[in-house]
Amino acid sequence: MKLAELKAKGGFVPSELVAKDVTWKRGDEELAFTIYVKRQSFGAMEKLFSGDSDQSKSAKFISECIFLGENGKERISYEDAYQLDPGLAAVFAQAVNEVNGAKPKN
């Protein structure tokens, strides 16, 4: 296979955001809304989870991958991601995994 063929077949991660409908259950309330997920390349994922940083890797993962607002124009800061409700953080992490090719849990 040639490089051009590999690119044409989707072997490289595109930069556009992916709209993803999610549902977050908080107590008796269920909220459905759309988030935008940035696909992550092999190199980006490796960089994200390597190193000896004191920062939470999960909060960093969410702040790098999840966007909100109209067409994903709002980025979640690391500080905000760190303070997320654990259930909502799990919803965001699952959406990122699904967009990046991981199979959803049933």
PDB file of N, CA and C in Angstrom:
ATOM      1  N   MET A   1       0.850  -1.176   0.000  1.00  0.00           N
ATOM      2  CA  MET A   1       0.000   0.000   0.000  1.00  0.00           C
ATOM      3  C   MET A   1       0.893   1.235   0.000  1.00  0.00           C
ATOM      4  N   LYS A   2       0.447   2.242  -0.692  1.00  0.00           N
ATOM      5  CA  LYS A   2       1.169   3.508  -0.755  1.00  0.00           C
ATOM      6  C   LYS A   2       0.579   4.481   0.258  1.00  0.00           C
ATOM      7  N   LEU A   3       1.371   5.481   0.620  1.00  0.00           N
ATOM      8  CA  LEU A   3       0.946   6.482   1.593  1.00  0.00           C
ATOM      9  C   LEU A   3      -0.349   7.163   1.163  1.00  0.00           C
ATOM     10  N   ALA A   4      -0.449   7.537  -0.087  1.00  0.00           N
ATOM     11  CA  ALA A   4      -1.666   8.196  -0.590  1.00  0.00           C
ATOM     12  C   ALA A   4      -2.883   7.287  -0.436  1.00  0.00           C
ATOM     13  N   GLU A   5      -2.701   5.989  -0.658  1.00  0.00           N
ATOM     14  CA  GLU A   5      -3.803   5.034  -0.499  1.00  0.00           C
ATOM     15  C   GLU A   5      -4.212   4.925   0.966  1.00  0.00           C
ATOM     16  N   LEU A   6      -3.219   4.898   1.829  1.00  0.00           N
ATOM     17  CA  LEU A   6      -3.492   4.814   3.264  1.00  0.00           C
ATOM     18  C   LEU A   6      -4.268   6.036   3.739  1.00  0.00           C
ATOM     19  N   LYS A   7      -3.882   7.200   3.255  1.00  0.00           N
ATOM     20  CA  LYS A   7      -4.612   8.429   3.587  1.00  0.00           C
ATOM     21  C   LYS A   7      -6.036   8.370   3.059  1.00  0.00           C
ATOM     22  N   ALA A   8      -6.205   7.913   1.829  1.00  0.00           N
ATOM     23  CA  ALA A   8      -7.532   7.824   1.215  1.00  0.00           C
ATOM     24  C   ALA A   8      -8.430   6.831   1.942  1.00  0.00           C
ATOM     25  N   LYS A   9      -7.852   5.814   2.543  1.00  0.00           N
ATOM     26  CA  LYS A   9      -8.624   4.789   3.257  1.00  0.00           C
ATOM     27  C   LYS A   9      -8.922   5.180   4.704  1.00  0.00           C
ATOM     28  N   GLY A  10      -8.491   6.366   5.128  1.00  0.00           N
ATOM     29  CA  GLY A  10      -8.790   6.825   6.486  1.00  0.00           C
ATOM     30  C   GLY A  10      -7.763   6.438   7.524  1.00  0.00           C
ATOM     31  N   GLY A  11      -6.548   6.171   7.111  1.00  0.00           N
ATOM     32  CA  GLY A  11      -5.511   5.769   8.044  1.00  0.00           C
ATOM     33  C   GLY A  11      -4.966   6.890   8.912  1.00  0.00           C
ATOM     34  N   PHE A  12      -5.354   8.122   8.605  1.00  0.00           N
ATOM     35  CA  PHE A  12      -4.899   9.269   9.382  1.00  0.00           C
ATOM     36  C   PHE A  12      -6.115   9.990   9.951  1.00  0.00           C
ATOM     37  N   VAL A  13      -5.983  10.474  11.152  1.00  0.00           N
ATOM     38  CA  VAL A  13      -7.111  11.054  11.879  1.00  0.00           C
ATOM     39  C   VAL A  13      -7.421  12.457  11.367  1.00  0.00           C
ATOM     40  N   PRO A  14      -8.676  12.685  10.923  1.00  0.00           N
ATOM     41  CA  PRO A  14      -9.070  14.031  10.484  1.00  0.00           C
ATOM     42  C   PRO A  14      -9.223  14.967  11.678  1.00  0.00           C
ATOM     43  N   SER A  15      -9.128  16.260  11.436  1.00  0.00           N
ATOM     44  CA  SER A  15      -9.141  17.230  12.535  1.00  0.00           C
ATOM     45  C   SER A  15     -10.537  17.717  12.930  1.00  0.00           C
ATOM     46  N   GLU A  16     -11.552  17.481  12.107  1.00  0.00           N
ATOM     47  CA  GLU A  16     -12.869  18.025  12.440  1.00  0.00           C
ATOM     48  C   GLU A  16     -13.501  17.298  13.634  1.00  0.00           C
ATOM     49  N   LEU A  17     -14.320  18.048  14.361  1.00  0.00           N
ATOM     50  CA  LEU A  17     -15.011  17.513  15.529  1.00  0.00           C
ATOM     51  C   LEU A  17     -16.167  16.623  15.092  1.00  0.00           C
ATOM     52  N   VAL A  18     -16.518  15.667  15.950  1.00  0.00           N
ATOM     53  CA  VAL A  18     -17.623  14.753  15.693  1.00  0.00           C
ATOM     54  C   VAL A  18     -18.734  15.059  16.689  1.00  0.00           C
ATOM     55  N   ALA A  19     -19.930  15.367  16.186  1.00  0.00           N
ATOM     56  CA  ALA A  19     -21.084  15.605  17.056  1.00  0.00           C
ATOM     57  C   ALA A  19     -21.525  14.269  17.644  1.00  0.00           C
ATOM     58  N   LYS A  20     -21.802  14.262  18.934  1.00  0.00           N
ATOM     59  CA  LYS A  20     -22.187  13.029  19.628  1.00  0.00           C
ATOM     60  C   LYS A  20     -23.308  13.362  20.604  1.00  0.00           C
ATOM     61  N   ASP A  21     -24.450  12.699  20.445  1.00  0.00           N
ATOM     62  CA  ASP A  21     -25.557  12.872  21.380  1.00  0.00           C
ATOM     63  C   ASP A  21     -25.312  11.989  22.591  1.00  0.00           C
ATOM     64  N   VAL A  22     -25.435  12.577  23.771  1.00  0.00           N
ATOM     65  CA  VAL A  22     -25.196  11.846  25.018  1.00  0.00           C
ATOM     66  C   VAL A  22     -26.352  12.086  25.982  1.00  0.00           C
ATOM     67  N   THR A  23     -26.451  11.208  26.953  1.00  0.00           N
ATOM     68  CA  THR A  23     -27.442  11.346  28.016  1.00  0.00           C
ATOM     69  C   THR A  23     -26.726  11.190  29.348  1.00  0.00           C
ATOM     70  N   TRP A  24     -26.981  12.141  30.236  1.00  0.00           N
ATOM     71  CA  TRP A  24     -26.389  12.125  31.572  1.00  0.00           C
ATOM     72  C   TRP A  24     -27.522  12.038  32.574  1.00  0.00           C
ATOM     73  N   LYS A  25     -27.476  11.024  33.420  1.00  0.00           N
ATOM     74  CA  LYS A  25     -28.492  10.860  34.453  1.00  0.00           C
ATOM     75  C   LYS A  25     -27.922  11.356  35.771  1.00  0.00           C
ATOM     76  N   ARG A  26     -28.618  12.336  36.338  1.00  0.00           N
ATOM     77  CA  ARG A  26     -28.198  12.916  37.623  1.00  0.00           C
ATOM     78  C   ARG A  26     -29.385  12.846  38.565  1.00  0.00           C
ATOM     79  N   GLY A  27     -29.331  11.918  39.499  1.00  0.00           N
ATOM     80  CA  GLY A  27     -30.469  11.701  40.384  1.00  0.00           C
ATOM     81  C   GLY A  27     -31.654  11.203  39.576  1.00  0.00           C
ATOM     82  N   ASP A  28     -32.793  11.881  39.715  1.00  0.00           N
ATOM     83  CA  ASP A  28     -33.996  11.512  38.969  1.00  0.00           C
ATOM     84  C   ASP A  28     -34.073  12.210  37.623  1.00  0.00           C
ATOM     85  N   GLU A  29     -33.158  13.107  37.370  1.00  0.00           N
ATOM     86  CA  GLU A  29     -33.186  13.894  36.142  1.00  0.00           C
ATOM     87  C   GLU A  29     -32.272  13.276  35.083  1.00  0.00           C
ATOM     88  N   GLU A  30     -32.774  13.273  33.849  1.00  0.00           N
ATOM     89  CA  GLU A  30     -31.978  12.781  32.739  1.00  0.00           C
ATOM     90  C   GLU A  30     -31.840  13.898  31.714  1.00  0.00           C
ATOM     91  N   LEU A  31     -30.619  14.263  31.410  1.00  0.00           N
ATOM     92  CA  LEU A  31     -30.354  15.345  30.463  1.00  0.00           C
ATOM     93  C   LEU A  31     -29.749  14.777  29.186  1.00  0.00           C
ATOM     94  N   ALA A  32     -30.355  15.112  28.056  1.00  0.00           N
ATOM     95  CA  ALA A  32     -29.831  14.697  26.756  1.00  0.00           C
ATOM     96  C   ALA A  32     -29.326  15.945  26.042  1.00  0.00           C
ATOM     97  N   PHE A  33     -28.134  15.871  25.496  1.00  0.00           N
ATOM     98  CA  PHE A  33     -27.560  17.017  24.803  1.00  0.00           C
ATOM     99  C   PHE A  33     -26.474  16.543  23.847  1.00  0.00           C
ATOM    100  N   THR A  34     -26.005  17.454  23.032  1.00  0.00           N
ATOM    101  CA  THR A  34     -24.970  17.142  22.050  1.00  0.00           C
ATOM    102  C   THR A  34     -23.637  17.721  22.503  1.00  0.00           C
ATOM    103  N   ILE A  35     -22.618  16.905  22.420  1.00  0.00           N
ATOM    104  CA  ILE A  35     -21.249  17.353  22.661  1.00  0.00           C
ATOM    105  C   ILE A  35     -20.472  17.156  21.358  1.00  0.00           C
ATOM    106  N   TYR A  36     -19.282  17.685  21.320  1.00  0.00           N
ATOM    107  CA  TYR A  36     -18.422  17.523  20.147  1.00  0.00           C
ATOM    108  C   TYR A  36     -17.114  16.909  20.607  1.00  0.00           C
ATOM    109  N   VAL A  37     -16.708  15.876  19.906  1.00  0.00           N
ATOM    110  CA  VAL A  37     -15.525  15.116  20.293  1.00  0.00           C
ATOM    111  C   VAL A  37     -14.432  15.290  19.243  1.00  0.00           C
ATOM    112  N   LYS A  38     -13.248  15.593  19.725  1.00  0.00           N
ATOM    113  CA  LYS A  38     -12.076  15.685  18.845  1.00  0.00           C
ATOM    114  C   LYS A  38     -11.442  14.302  18.769  1.00  0.00           C
ATOM    115  N   ARG A  39     -11.332  13.783  17.560  1.00  0.00           N
ATOM    116  CA  ARG A  39     -10.653  12.498  17.377  1.00  0.00           C
ATOM    117  C   ARG A  39      -9.187  12.660  17.770  1.00  0.00           C
ATOM    118  N   GLN A  40      -8.624  11.598  18.281  1.00  0.00           N
ATOM    119  CA  GLN A  40      -7.238  11.651  18.725  1.00  0.00           C
ATOM    120  C   GLN A  40      -6.375  10.684  17.925  1.00  0.00           C
ATOM    121  N   SER A  41      -5.265  11.160  17.446  1.00  0.00           N
ATOM    122  CA  SER A  41      -4.312  10.314  16.731  1.00  0.00           C
ATOM    123  C   SER A  41      -3.524   9.472  17.732  1.00  0.00           C
ATOM    124  N   PHE A  42      -2.828   8.497  17.214  1.00  0.00           N
ATOM    125  CA  PHE A  42      -1.966   7.658  18.039  1.00  0.00           C
ATOM    126  C   PHE A  42      -0.984   8.510  18.841  1.00  0.00           C
ATOM    127  N   GLY A  43      -0.332   9.439  18.167  1.00  0.00           N
ATOM    128  CA  GLY A  43       0.661  10.287  18.829  1.00  0.00           C
ATOM    129  C   GLY A  43       0.056  11.174  19.897  1.00  0.00           C
ATOM    130  N   ALA A  44      -1.130  11.724  19.616  1.00  0.00           N
ATOM    131  CA  ALA A  44      -1.799  12.586  20.596  1.00  0.00           C
ATOM    132  C   ALA A  44      -2.185  11.793  21.839  1.00  0.00           C
ATOM    133  N   MET A  45      -2.689  10.565  21.651  1.00  0.00           N
ATOM    134  CA  MET A  45      -3.072   9.734  22.800  1.00  0.00           C
ATOM    135  C   MET A  45      -1.846   9.347  23.619  1.00  0.00           C
ATOM    136  N   GLU A  46      -0.779   9.002  22.931  1.00  0.00           N
ATOM    137  CA  GLU A  46       0.443   8.631  23.635  1.00  0.00           C
ATOM    138  C   GLU A  46       0.961   9.801  24.473  1.00  0.00           C
ATOM    139  N   LYS A  47       0.967  10.986  23.886  1.00  0.00           N
ATOM    140  CA  LYS A  47       1.431  12.178  24.597  1.00  0.00           C
ATOM    141  C   LYS A  47       0.525  12.498  25.785  1.00  0.00           C
ATOM    142  N   LEU A  48      -0.773  12.322  25.583  1.00  0.00           N
ATOM    143  CA  LEU A  48      -1.754  12.633  26.617  1.00  0.00           C
ATOM    144  C   LEU A  48      -1.568  11.767  27.861  1.00  0.00           C
ATOM    145  N   PHE A  49      -1.236  10.496  27.662  1.00  0.00           N
ATOM    146  CA  PHE A  49      -1.166   9.567  28.785  1.00  0.00           C
ATOM    147  C   PHE A  49       0.254   9.216  29.224  1.00  0.00           C
ATOM    148  N   SER A  50       1.244   9.899  28.685  1.00  0.00           N
ATOM    149  CA  SER A  50       2.616   9.634  29.107  1.00  0.00           C
ATOM    150  C   SER A  50       3.093  10.732  30.046  1.00  0.00           C
ATOM    151  N   GLY A  51       4.215  10.503  30.628  1.00  0.00           N
ATOM    152  CA  GLY A  51       4.808  11.530  31.485  1.00  0.00           C
ATOM    153  C   GLY A  51       4.413  11.383  32.939  1.00  0.00           C
ATOM    154  N   ASP A  52       5.080  12.150  33.755  1.00  0.00           N
ATOM    155  CA  ASP A  52       4.879  12.087  35.198  1.00  0.00           C
ATOM    156  C   ASP A  52       4.212  13.343  35.727  1.00  0.00           C
ATOM    157  N   SER A  53       3.305  13.888  34.972  1.00  0.00           N
ATOM    158  CA  SER A  53       2.624  15.111  35.377  1.00  0.00           C
ATOM    159  C   SER A  53       1.790  14.869  36.633  1.00  0.00           C
ATOM    160  N   ASP A  54       1.663  15.911  37.447  1.00  0.00           N
ATOM    161  CA  ASP A  54       0.810  15.838  38.627  1.00  0.00           C
ATOM    162  C   ASP A  54      -0.660  16.008  38.265  1.00  0.00           C
ATOM    163  N   GLN A  55      -0.935  16.357  37.010  1.00  0.00           N
ATOM    164  CA  GLN A  55      -2.315  16.562  36.584  1.00  0.00           C
ATOM    165  C   GLN A  55      -3.032  15.227  36.418  1.00  0.00           C
ATOM    166  N   SER A  56      -4.344  15.265  36.618  1.00  0.00           N
ATOM    167  CA  SER A  56      -5.186  14.099  36.378  1.00  0.00           C
ATOM    168  C   SER A  56      -5.191  13.790  34.888  1.00  0.00           C
ATOM    169  N   LYS A  57      -4.847  12.570  34.539  1.00  0.00           N
ATOM    170  CA  LYS A  57      -4.839  12.186  33.129  1.00  0.00           C
ATOM    171  C   LYS A  57      -6.260  12.172  32.561  1.00  0.00           C
ATOM    172  N   SER A  58      -7.230  11.769  33.364  1.00  0.00           N
ATOM    173  CA  SER A  58      -8.620  11.734  32.895  1.00  0.00           C
ATOM    174  C   SER A  58      -9.155  13.139  32.651  1.00  0.00           C
ATOM    175  N   ALA A  59      -8.861  14.072  33.541  1.00  0.00           N
ATOM    176  CA  ALA A  59      -9.311  15.455  33.351  1.00  0.00           C
ATOM    177  C   ALA A  59      -8.622  16.067  32.130  1.00  0.00           C
ATOM    178  N   LYS A  60      -7.363  15.768  31.945  1.00  0.00           N
ATOM    179  CA  LYS A  60      -6.631  16.256  30.775  1.00  0.00           C
ATOM    180  C   LYS A  60      -7.224  15.668  29.495  1.00  0.00           C
ATOM    181  N   PHE A  61      -7.555  14.383  29.528  1.00  0.00           N
ATOM    182  CA  PHE A  61      -8.188  13.678  28.412  1.00  0.00           C
ATOM    183  C   PHE A  61      -9.489  14.371  28.014  1.00  0.00           C
ATOM    184  N   ILE A  62     -10.338  14.670  28.989  1.00  0.00           N
ATOM    185  CA  ILE A  62     -11.618  15.333  28.718  1.00  0.00           C
ATOM    186  C   ILE A  62     -11.388  16.744  28.193  1.00  0.00           C
ATOM    187  N   SER A  63     -10.477  17.484  28.806  1.00  0.00           N
ATOM    188  CA  SER A  63     -10.250  18.868  28.370  1.00  0.00           C
ATOM    189  C   SER A  63      -9.668  18.941  26.955  1.00  0.00           C
ATOM    190  N   GLU A  64      -8.973  17.919  26.530  1.00  0.00           N
ATOM    191  CA  GLU A  64      -8.402  17.890  25.178  1.00  0.00           C
ATOM    192  C   GLU A  64      -9.398  17.394  24.132  1.00  0.00           C
ATOM    193  N   CYS A  65     -10.386  16.620  24.553  1.00  0.00           N
ATOM    194  CA  CYS A  65     -11.239  15.914  23.591  1.00  0.00           C
ATOM    195  C   CYS A  65     -12.682  16.391  23.509  1.00  0.00           C
ATOM    196  N   ILE A  66     -13.216  17.000  24.556  1.00  0.00           N
ATOM    197  CA  ILE A  66     -14.637  17.355  24.597  1.00  0.00           C
ATOM    198  C   ILE A  66     -14.817  18.850  24.383  1.00  0.00           C
ATOM    199  N   PHE A  67     -15.746  19.185  23.497  1.00  0.00           N
ATOM    200  CA  PHE A  67     -16.096  20.571  23.201  1.00  0.00           C
ATOM    201  C   PHE A  67     -17.605  20.714  23.317  1.00  0.00           C
ATOM    202  N   LEU A  68     -18.044  21.879  23.739  1.00  0.00           N
ATOM    203  CA  LEU A  68     -19.465  22.145  23.963  1.00  0.00           C
ATOM    204  C   LEU A  68     -19.905  23.346  23.139  1.00  0.00           C
ATOM    205  N   GLY A  69     -21.188  23.691  23.286  1.00  0.00           N
ATOM    206  CA  GLY A  69     -21.708  24.882  22.627  1.00  0.00           C
ATOM    207  C   GLY A  69     -22.002  24.647  21.160  1.00  0.00           C
ATOM    208  N   GLU A  70     -22.410  25.713  20.521  1.00  0.00           N
ATOM    209  CA  GLU A  70     -22.771  25.646  19.107  1.00  0.00           C
ATOM    210  C   GLU A  70     -21.571  25.215  18.263  1.00  0.00           C
ATOM    211  N   ASN A  71     -21.716  24.094  17.608  1.00  0.00           N
ATOM    212  CA  ASN A  71     -20.668  23.535  16.742  1.00  0.00           C
ATOM    213  C   ASN A  71     -19.345  23.281  17.459  1.00  0.00           C
ATOM    214  N   GLY A  72     -19.401  23.085  18.772  1.00  0.00           N
ATOM    215  CA  GLY A  72     -18.190  22.751  19.513  1.00  0.00           C
ATOM    216  C   GLY A  72     -17.220  23.895  19.684  1.00  0.00           C
ATOM    217  N   LYS A  73     -17.729  25.101  19.814  1.00  0.00           N
ATOM    218  CA  LYS A  73     -16.862  26.283  19.922  1.00  0.00           C
ATOM    219  C   LYS A  73     -16.300  26.489  21.333  1.00  0.00           C
ATOM    220  N   GLU A  74     -16.890  25.815  22.340  1.00  0.00           N
ATOM    221  CA  GLU A  74     -16.440  25.995  23.726  1.00  0.00           C
ATOM    222  C   GLU A  74     -15.571  24.825  24.164  1.00  0.00           C
ATOM    223  N   ARG A  75     -14.411  25.138  24.653  1.00  0.00           N
ATOM    224  CA  ARG A  75     -13.510  24.107  25.170  1.00  0.00           C
ATOM    225  C   ARG A  75     -13.665  24.035  26.691  1.00  0.00           C
ATOM    226  N   ILE A  76     -13.594  22.836  27.235  1.00  0.00           N
ATOM    227  CA  ILE A  76     -13.622  22.651  28.688  1.00  0.00           C
ATOM    228  C   ILE A  76     -12.186  22.791  29.191  1.00  0.00           C
ATOM    229  N   SER A  77     -11.974  23.671  30.130  1.00  0.00           N
ATOM    230  CA  SER A  77     -10.622  23.840  30.673  1.00  0.00           C
ATOM    231  C   SER A  77     -10.249  22.619  31.513  1.00  0.00           C
ATOM    232  N   TYR A  78      -8.965  22.451  31.746  1.00  0.00           N
ATOM    233  CA  TYR A  78      -8.513  21.371  32.615  1.00  0.00           C
ATOM    234  C   TYR A  78      -9.144  21.515  33.999  1.00  0.00           C
ATOM    235  N   GLU A  79      -9.170  22.732  34.506  1.00  0.00           N
ATOM    236  CA  GLU A  79      -9.718  22.979  35.841  1.00  0.00           C
ATOM    237  C   GLU A  79     -11.191  22.587  35.917  1.00  0.00           C
ATOM    238  N   ASP A  80     -11.974  22.938  34.889  1.00  0.00           N
ATOM    239  CA  ASP A  80     -13.389  22.551  34.873  1.00  0.00           C
ATOM    240  C   ASP A  80     -13.541  21.040  34.728  1.00  0.00           C
ATOM    241  N   ALA A  81     -12.743  20.428  33.886  1.00  0.00           N
ATOM    242  CA  ALA A  81     -12.815  18.973  33.707  1.00  0.00           C
ATOM    243  C   ALA A  81     -12.495  18.261  35.020  1.00  0.00           C
ATOM    244  N   TYR A  82     -11.564  18.796  35.763  1.00  0.00           N
ATOM    245  CA  TYR A  82     -11.174  18.208  37.044  1.00  0.00           C
ATOM    246  C   TYR A  82     -12.330  18.236  38.048  1.00  0.00           C
ATOM    247  N   GLN A  83     -13.202  19.229  37.926  1.00  0.00           N
ATOM    248  CA  GLN A  83     -14.316  19.407  38.863  1.00  0.00           C
ATOM    249  C   GLN A  83     -15.622  18.754  38.397  1.00  0.00           C
ATOM    250  N   LEU A  84     -15.607  18.040  37.284  1.00  0.00           N
ATOM    251  CA  LEU A  84     -16.834  17.436  36.758  1.00  0.00           C
ATOM    252  C   LEU A  84     -17.430  16.405  37.705  1.00  0.00           C
ATOM    253  N   ASP A  85     -18.745  16.303  37.662  1.00  0.00           N
ATOM    254  CA  ASP A  85     -19.450  15.215  38.326  1.00  0.00           C
ATOM    255  C   ASP A  85     -18.893  13.904  37.753  1.00  0.00           C
ATOM    256  N   PRO A  86     -18.573  12.911  38.595  1.00  0.00           N
ATOM    257  CA  PRO A  86     -17.989  11.668  38.087  1.00  0.00           C
ATOM    258  C   PRO A  86     -18.854  10.958  37.039  1.00  0.00           C
ATOM    259  N   GLY A  87     -20.166  11.010  37.203  1.00  0.00           N
ATOM    260  CA  GLY A  87     -21.049  10.387  36.217  1.00  0.00           C
ATOM    261  C   GLY A  87     -20.974  11.077  34.870  1.00  0.00           C
ATOM    262  N   LEU A  88     -20.893  12.402  34.880  1.00  0.00           N
ATOM    263  CA  LEU A  88     -20.782  13.160  33.638  1.00  0.00           C
ATOM    264  C   LEU A  88     -19.415  12.924  32.992  1.00  0.00           C
ATOM    265  N   ALA A  89     -18.379  12.867  33.804  1.00  0.00           N
ATOM    266  CA  ALA A  89     -17.042  12.576  33.273  1.00  0.00           C
ATOM    267  C   ALA A  89     -17.033  11.210  32.585  1.00  0.00           C
ATOM    268  N   ALA A  90     -17.733  10.234  33.161  1.00  0.00           N
ATOM    269  CA  ALA A  90     -17.811   8.901  32.553  1.00  0.00           C
ATOM    270  C   ALA A  90     -18.542   8.948  31.215  1.00  0.00           C
ATOM    271  N   VAL A  91     -19.604   9.761  31.124  1.00  0.00           N
ATOM    272  CA  VAL A  91     -20.334   9.930  29.861  1.00  0.00           C
ATOM    273  C   VAL A  91     -19.405  10.526  28.806  1.00  0.00           C
ATOM    274  N   PHE A  92     -18.655  11.551  29.181  1.00  0.00           N
ATOM    275  CA  PHE A  92     -17.721  12.184  28.248  1.00  0.00           C
ATOM    276  C   PHE A  92     -16.640  11.192  27.797  1.00  0.00           C
ATOM    277  N   ALA A  93     -16.068  10.457  28.745  1.00  0.00           N
ATOM    278  CA  ALA A  93     -15.011   9.499  28.413  1.00  0.00           C
ATOM    279  C   ALA A  93     -15.535   8.416  27.473  1.00  0.00           C
ATOM    280  N   GLN A  94     -16.752   7.943  27.713  1.00  0.00           N
ATOM    281  CA  GLN A  94     -17.337   6.926  26.840  1.00  0.00           C
ATOM    282  C   GLN A  94     -17.527   7.472  25.428  1.00  0.00           C
ATOM    283  N   ALA A  95     -17.982   8.711  25.317  1.00  0.00           N
ATOM    284  CA  ALA A  95     -18.172   9.327  23.998  1.00  0.00           C
ATOM    285  C   ALA A  95     -16.846   9.425  23.250  1.00  0.00           C
ATOM    286  N   VAL A  96     -15.792   9.814  23.938  1.00  0.00           N
ATOM    287  CA  VAL A  96     -14.474   9.906  23.306  1.00  0.00           C
ATOM    288  C   VAL A  96     -14.024   8.526  22.831  1.00  0.00           C
ATOM    289  N   ASN A  97     -14.204   7.529  23.670  1.00  0.00           N
ATOM    290  CA  ASN A  97     -13.809   6.171  23.295  1.00  0.00           C
ATOM    291  C   ASN A  97     -14.587   5.676  22.085  1.00  0.00           C
ATOM    292  N   GLU A  98     -15.883   5.955  22.044  1.00  0.00           N
ATOM    293  CA  GLU A  98     -16.708   5.527  20.913  1.00  0.00           C
ATOM    294  C   GLU A  98     -16.278   6.216  19.621  1.00  0.00           C
ATOM    295  N   VAL A  99     -16.046   7.508  19.676  1.00  0.00           N
ATOM    296  CA  VAL A  99     -15.632   8.250  18.479  1.00  0.00           C
ATOM    297  C   VAL A  99     -14.261   7.780  17.989  1.00  0.00           C
ATOM    298  N   ASN A 100     -13.423   7.365  18.918  1.00  0.00           N
ATOM    299  CA  ASN A 100     -12.080   6.918  18.550  1.00  0.00           C
ATOM    300  C   ASN A 100     -11.993   5.417  18.295  1.00  0.00           C
ATOM    301  N   GLY A 101     -13.137   4.757  18.173  1.00  0.00           N
ATOM    302  CA  GLY A 101     -13.131   3.370  17.728  1.00  0.00           C
ATOM    303  C   GLY A 101     -13.323   2.309  18.781  1.00  0.00           C
ATOM    304  N   ALA A 102     -13.403   2.668  20.055  1.00  0.00           N
ATOM    305  CA  ALA A 102     -13.655   1.659  21.081  1.00  0.00           C
ATOM    306  C   ALA A 102     -15.126   1.273  21.048  1.00  0.00           C
ATOM    307  N   LYS A 103     -15.403   0.017  21.296  1.00  0.00           N
ATOM    308  CA  LYS A 103     -16.792  -0.434  21.282  1.00  0.00           C
ATOM    309  C   LYS A 103     -17.483   0.002  22.564  1.00  0.00           C
ATOM    310  N   PRO A 104     -18.761   0.481  22.457  1.00  0.00           N
ATOM    311  CA  PRO A 104     -19.478   0.906  23.657  1.00  0.00           C
ATOM    312  C   PRO A 104     -19.787  -0.275  24.564  1.00  0.00           C
ATOM    313  N   LYS A 105     -19.839  -0.002  25.863  1.00  0.00           N
ATOM    314  CA  LYS A 105     -20.195  -1.033  26.841  1.00  0.00           C
ATOM    315  C   LYS A 105     -21.704  -1.170  26.883  1.00  0.00           C
ATOM    316  N   ASN A 106     -22.171  -2.405  26.989  1.00  0.00           N
ATOM    317  CA  ASN A 106     -23.626  -2.641  27.099  1.00  0.00           C
ATOM    318  C   ASN A 106     -23.995  -2.995  28.505  1.00  0.00           C
TER     319      ASN A 106
END
